[in-house]
N, C-alpha and C. Protein backbone atom coordinates (compact mmCIF):
# COMPACT_ATOMS: atom_id res chain seq x y z
N UNK A 1 2.98 -0.72 37.69
CA UNK A 1 3.67 -1.88 36.63
C UNK A 1 3.14 -1.07 35.63
N UNK A 2 3.32 -1.12 34.64
CA UNK A 2 2.60 -0.79 33.25
C UNK A 2 2.71 -2.10 32.35
N UNK A 3 1.47 -2.12 31.75
CA UNK A 3 1.44 -3.44 30.93
C UNK A 3 1.86 -3.64 29.65
N UNK A 4 2.52 -4.55 29.39
CA UNK A 4 3.23 -4.57 28.00
C UNK A 4 2.48 -4.95 26.77
N UNK A 5 2.20 -4.11 25.72
CA UNK A 5 1.80 -4.91 24.56
C UNK A 5 2.56 -6.05 23.79
N UNK A 6 1.99 -7.17 23.68
CA UNK A 6 2.44 -8.25 23.58
C UNK A 6 2.21 -8.70 21.94
N UNK A 7 3.30 -8.87 20.80
CA UNK A 7 3.15 -9.35 19.72
C UNK A 7 3.42 -10.81 19.13
N UNK A 8 3.13 -11.40 18.40
CA UNK A 8 3.46 -12.88 18.03
C UNK A 8 4.19 -12.59 16.46
N UNK A 9 5.35 -12.30 16.29
CA UNK A 9 5.93 -11.56 14.84
C UNK A 9 6.46 -13.26 14.04
N UNK A 10 5.95 -13.20 12.97
CA UNK A 10 5.95 -14.57 12.44
C UNK A 10 7.10 -14.06 10.83
N UNK A 11 7.93 -14.67 10.75
CA UNK A 11 9.23 -14.13 10.05
C UNK A 11 9.88 -12.97 10.29
N UNK A 12 10.31 -13.04 11.82
CA UNK A 12 10.96 -11.81 12.29
C UNK A 12 12.42 -12.00 11.78
N UNK A 13 13.04 -12.78 11.46
CA UNK A 13 14.49 -13.01 11.01
C UNK A 13 14.50 -12.50 9.33
N UNK A 14 13.51 -12.81 8.46
CA UNK A 14 13.41 -12.52 7.31
C UNK A 14 13.63 -11.06 7.09
N UNK A 15 13.76 -10.69 5.95
CA UNK A 15 14.28 -8.87 5.18
C UNK A 15 13.40 -7.73 5.94
N UNK A 16 12.09 -8.37 5.77
CA UNK A 16 10.93 -7.25 6.45
C UNK A 16 10.96 -7.44 7.72
N UNK A 17 10.96 -8.56 8.29
CA UNK A 17 10.43 -9.11 9.36
C UNK A 17 11.58 -8.12 10.48
N UNK A 18 12.74 -8.08 10.09
CA UNK A 18 13.67 -7.07 10.94
C UNK A 18 13.30 -5.98 10.84
N UNK A 19 12.95 -5.45 10.02
CA UNK A 19 12.07 -3.79 9.73
C UNK A 19 10.88 -3.76 11.15
N UNK A 20 10.31 -4.53 10.68
CA UNK A 20 8.88 -4.53 11.97
C UNK A 20 9.26 -5.16 13.12
N UNK A 21 10.44 -5.68 13.64
CA UNK A 21 10.75 -6.08 15.08
C UNK A 21 10.99 -4.95 15.60
N UNK A 22 12.19 -4.40 14.50
CA UNK A 22 12.80 -2.89 15.15
C UNK A 22 11.88 -1.82 15.74
N UNK A 23 10.71 -1.95 15.06
CA UNK A 23 10.21 -0.41 14.59
C UNK A 23 9.41 -0.76 16.39
N UNK A 24 8.40 -2.05 16.11
CA UNK A 24 8.10 -2.59 17.24
C UNK A 24 8.83 -2.50 18.74
N UNK A 25 9.89 -2.78 18.82
CA UNK A 25 10.49 -2.61 20.05
C UNK A 25 10.57 -1.48 20.35
N UNK A 26 11.07 -0.33 19.21
CA UNK A 26 11.23 1.11 19.53
C UNK A 26 9.61 1.28 20.45
N UNK A 27 8.65 1.16 19.95
CA UNK A 27 7.35 1.26 20.35
C UNK A 27 6.98 0.57 21.74
N UNK A 28 7.63 0.16 21.87
CA UNK A 28 7.43 -0.40 23.22
C UNK A 28 7.00 -1.92 23.55
N UNK A 29 6.60 -2.80 22.56
CA UNK A 29 5.96 -3.54 22.22
C UNK A 29 6.89 -5.00 22.68
N UNK A 30 6.37 -6.03 23.79
CA UNK A 30 7.11 -7.42 23.70
C UNK A 30 6.81 -8.26 22.70
N UNK A 31 8.23 -8.91 22.27
CA UNK A 31 8.23 -9.64 21.05
C UNK A 31 8.64 -10.96 21.53
N UNK A 32 7.39 -11.94 20.46
CA UNK A 32 7.75 -13.14 20.75
C UNK A 32 8.18 -13.86 19.14
N UNK A 33 9.12 -14.34 18.92
CA UNK A 33 9.51 -15.10 17.44
C UNK A 33 8.55 -16.24 17.56
N UNK A 34 7.71 -16.50 15.76
CA UNK A 34 6.85 -17.28 16.11
C UNK A 34 7.46 -18.53 16.28
N UNK A 35 8.56 -19.06 15.73
CA UNK A 35 9.05 -20.42 16.11
C UNK A 35 9.31 -20.94 17.41
N UNK A 36 9.27 -19.98 18.44
CA UNK A 36 9.40 -20.49 19.72
C UNK A 36 7.59 -20.71 20.20
N UNK A 37 6.88 -19.60 19.38
CA UNK A 37 5.53 -19.74 19.98
C UNK A 37 5.11 -21.00 19.40
N UNK A 38 5.21 -21.28 18.08
CA UNK A 38 4.42 -22.20 17.33
C UNK A 38 5.03 -24.05 17.84
N UNK A 39 6.39 -23.75 19.06
CA UNK A 39 6.28 -25.18 19.42
C UNK A 39 5.55 -25.88 20.53
N UNK A 40 4.09 -25.33 20.53
CA UNK A 40 2.99 -25.39 21.50
C UNK A 40 2.31 -26.21 20.32
N UNK A 41 1.91 -27.64 21.18
CA UNK A 41 1.04 -28.66 20.37
C UNK A 41 -0.43 -27.63 19.38
N UNK A 42 -1.05 -26.82 20.50
CA UNK A 42 -2.30 -26.10 19.96
C UNK A 42 -2.06 -25.17 18.84
N UNK A 43 -0.59 -24.58 19.04
CA UNK A 43 -0.41 -23.56 18.17
C UNK A 43 0.09 -24.36 16.67
N UNK A 44 0.43 -25.50 16.94
CA UNK A 44 0.98 -26.20 15.16
C UNK A 44 -0.88 -26.78 14.91
N UNK A 45 -1.44 -26.45 15.57
CA UNK A 45 -2.61 -26.96 15.03
C UNK A 45 -3.31 -25.96 14.32
N UNK A 46 -3.54 -24.33 15.08
CA UNK A 46 -3.53 -23.20 14.61
C UNK A 46 -2.63 -22.98 12.88
N UNK A 47 -2.02 -23.47 12.97
CA UNK A 47 -0.70 -22.93 12.01
C UNK A 47 -1.48 -23.87 10.86
N UNK A 48 -1.65 -25.02 11.27
CA UNK A 48 -1.88 -26.00 10.19
C UNK A 48 -3.53 -25.22 9.08
N UNK A 49 -4.44 -25.14 10.44
CA UNK A 49 -5.47 -24.53 9.95
C UNK A 49 -5.16 -23.57 9.04
N UNK A 50 -4.29 -22.29 9.27
CA UNK A 50 -4.04 -21.24 8.87
C UNK A 50 -3.59 -21.91 7.09
N UNK A 51 -2.59 -23.15 7.17
CA UNK A 51 -2.44 -23.10 5.77
C UNK A 51 -3.56 -23.86 5.08
N UNK A 52 -4.13 -24.01 5.31
CA UNK A 52 -5.14 -25.09 4.67
C UNK A 52 -6.31 -24.04 4.38
N UNK A 53 -6.52 -23.11 4.83
CA UNK A 53 -7.56 -21.80 4.37
C UNK A 53 -6.64 -20.93 3.41
N UNK A 54 -5.38 -21.28 3.60
CA UNK A 54 -4.74 -20.25 2.11
C UNK A 54 -4.82 -20.86 1.24
N UNK A 55 -4.73 -22.28 1.33
CA UNK A 55 -4.58 -23.27 -0.01
C UNK A 55 -6.47 -23.09 -0.88
N UNK A 56 -7.21 -23.25 0.32
CA UNK A 56 -8.39 -23.25 -0.25
C UNK A 56 -8.76 -21.77 -0.99
N UNK A 57 -8.13 -20.67 -0.41
CA UNK A 57 -8.46 -19.14 -1.08
C UNK A 57 -7.66 -19.76 -2.18
N UNK A 58 -6.53 -19.93 -2.19
CA UNK A 58 -5.95 -19.76 -3.55
C UNK A 58 -6.61 -21.40 -4.46
N UNK A 59 -7.35 -22.02 -4.51
CA UNK A 59 -8.34 -22.87 -5.11
C UNK A 59 -8.91 -22.03 -5.90
N UNK A 60 -9.59 -21.45 -5.02
CA UNK A 60 -10.95 -20.56 -5.53
C UNK A 60 -10.78 -19.33 -6.49
N UNK A 61 -9.34 -19.10 -6.06
CA UNK A 61 -9.17 -18.02 -6.97
C UNK A 61 -8.17 -18.69 -8.48
N UNK A 62 -7.77 -19.88 -8.41
CA UNK A 62 -7.16 -20.35 -9.40
C UNK A 62 -8.58 -21.06 -10.68
N UNK A 63 -9.60 -21.44 -9.57
CA UNK A 63 -10.99 -21.80 -10.47
C UNK A 63 -11.59 -20.49 -10.91
N UNK A 64 -11.86 -19.24 -10.53
CA UNK A 64 -12.72 -18.16 -11.16
C UNK A 64 -11.43 -17.53 -12.38
N UNK A 65 -10.46 -17.85 -12.08
CA UNK A 65 -9.59 -17.47 -13.46
C UNK A 65 -9.59 -18.36 -14.32
N UNK A 66 -9.60 -19.52 -14.22
CA UNK A 66 -9.99 -20.68 -14.97
C UNK A 66 -11.19 -20.21 -15.79
N UNK A 67 -12.54 -19.82 -15.00
CA UNK A 67 -13.79 -19.92 -15.77
C UNK A 67 -13.96 -18.44 -16.30
N UNK A 68 -12.72 -17.37 -16.03
CA UNK A 68 -13.19 -15.84 -16.74
C UNK A 68 -12.16 -16.37 -18.21
N UNK A 69 -11.24 -17.05 -17.89
CA UNK A 69 -10.69 -17.31 -19.53
C UNK A 69 -11.08 -18.01 -20.28
């Protein structure tokens, strides 16, 4: 029995995601779409945390840009 490589793809149906998923499938990866995976409660918590980190990074970047100008 061969062990399959598993990948979670978020945005698999988007413009770039279609190309990425096609290539991953050809390389033998087992794909799971982000929408399917994020129906789990813990996954929603992780998604919110990632969103908060992104907002914090944007805030720091804007602050630095404001200080430089």
